[in-house]
Amino acid sequence: MSEIPVESIRQVRDHLADVVDRADREDEPTVITRRGREVAAVVPIDMLRRFQEYEEQAIIRMVRERMANPEPGIPLEEVMAETLARPE
């Protein structure tokens, strides 16, 4: 996999159409920085939808695991914290 292009928000402003075309036609995301910090990305819409689907499946899998556990329930806050802390 090739390295994802990284551009400042100022650079992206100057050629936003090119960044969007790269995502749309070449399936290549672009990471956007502000003051040197990564803050956003322009990604192909299919990539975003796949990520959302994966995230939903991960949450459903976690809920099923928890429901199958005969021990007393776990507070929703703890489940959500664990879900958000998972790297994938």
Protein backbone atom coordinates (compact mmCIF):
# COMPACT_ATOMS: atom_id res chain seq x y z
CA MET A 1 0.00 0.00 0.00
CA SER A 2 1.37 3.39 -0.92
CA GLU A 3 1.76 6.22 1.54
CA ILE A 4 -1.28 8.47 1.96
CA PRO A 5 -0.71 12.05 0.76
CA VAL A 6 -0.69 14.64 3.54
CA GLU A 7 -1.48 18.28 2.77
CA SER A 8 -2.12 21.37 4.81
CA ILE A 9 -5.59 22.86 4.77
CA ARG A 10 -4.12 25.83 2.90
CA GLN A 11 -2.78 23.55 0.16
CA VAL A 12 -6.09 21.71 -0.10
CA ARG A 13 -7.98 25.00 -0.42
CA ASP A 14 -5.94 25.81 -3.50
CA HIS A 15 -6.91 22.61 -5.31
CA LEU A 16 -9.86 20.99 -3.53
CA ALA A 17 -11.30 19.68 -6.80
CA ASP A 18 -8.07 17.75 -7.43
CA VAL A 19 -8.14 16.23 -3.94
CA VAL A 20 -11.76 15.16 -4.40
CA ASP A 21 -11.02 13.77 -7.88
CA ARG A 22 -8.10 11.77 -6.45
CA ALA A 23 -10.43 10.23 -3.86
CA ASP A 24 -13.21 9.61 -6.37
CA ARG A 25 -11.28 8.37 -9.39
CA GLU A 26 -8.15 6.88 -7.86
CA ASP A 27 -9.55 5.69 -4.49
CA GLU A 28 -6.76 7.65 -2.82
CA PRO A 29 -7.46 9.43 0.47
CA THR A 30 -5.74 12.65 1.48
CA VAL A 31 -4.95 13.56 5.09
CA ILE A 32 -5.44 17.24 5.90
CA THR A 33 -3.36 19.03 8.50
CA ARG A 34 -3.80 22.28 10.39
CA ARG A 35 -0.69 23.76 11.98
CA GLY A 36 1.10 20.46 11.36
CA ARG A 37 -1.51 18.33 13.14
CA GLU A 38 -3.65 15.79 11.25
CA VAL A 39 -7.26 16.92 11.63
CA ALA A 40 -9.31 15.46 8.76
CA ALA A 41 -9.24 13.41 5.58
CA VAL A 42 -10.89 13.34 2.19
CA VAL A 43 -11.65 9.68 1.50
CA PRO A 44 -13.54 7.78 -1.19
CA ILE A 45 -17.19 7.44 -0.15
CA ASP A 46 -17.04 3.64 -0.44
CA MET A 47 -14.15 3.58 2.03
CA LEU A 48 -16.18 5.63 4.51
CA ARG A 49 -19.19 3.36 4.13
CA ARG A 50 -17.06 0.22 4.58
CA PHE A 51 -15.57 1.72 7.74
CA GLN A 52 -19.02 2.57 9.10
CA GLU A 53 -20.23 -0.96 8.37
CA TYR A 54 -17.17 -2.46 10.05
CA GLU A 55 -17.71 -0.25 13.08
CA GLU A 56 -21.37 -1.31 13.36
CA GLN A 57 -20.40 -4.98 13.09
CA ALA A 58 -17.78 -4.56 15.81
CA ILE A 59 -20.34 -2.98 18.13
CA ILE A 60 -22.90 -5.71 17.43
CA ARG A 61 -20.25 -8.38 18.07
CA MET A 62 -19.37 -6.75 21.40
CA VAL A 63 -23.01 -6.56 22.46
CA ARG A 64 -23.51 -10.25 21.63
CA GLU A 65 -20.38 -11.18 23.60
CA ARG A 66 -21.62 -9.22 26.60
CA MET A 67 -25.14 -10.64 26.40
CA ALA A 68 -23.76 -14.19 26.29
CA ASN A 69 -21.87 -13.58 29.54
CA PRO A 70 -23.88 -14.92 32.51
CA GLU A 71 -22.26 -12.49 34.94
CA PRO A 72 -24.08 -9.31 36.03
CA GLY A 73 -24.36 -6.61 33.42
CA ILE A 74 -21.71 -4.04 32.60
CA PRO A 75 -22.59 -0.33 32.69
CA LEU A 76 -23.17 1.17 29.23
CA GLU A 77 -20.51 3.81 29.90
CA GLU A 78 -17.89 1.10 30.37
CA VAL A 79 -18.95 -0.72 27.20
CA MET A 80 -18.80 2.50 25.17
CA ALA A 81 -15.40 3.42 26.62
CA GLU A 82 -14.06 -0.01 25.68
CA THR A 83 -15.56 0.24 22.20
CA LEU A 84 -14.02 3.63 21.58
CA ALA A 85 -10.64 2.49 22.92
CA ARG A 86 -10.31 -0.42 20.47
CA PRO A 87 -7.76 0.29 17.74
CA GLU A 88 -9.76 -1.45 15.00
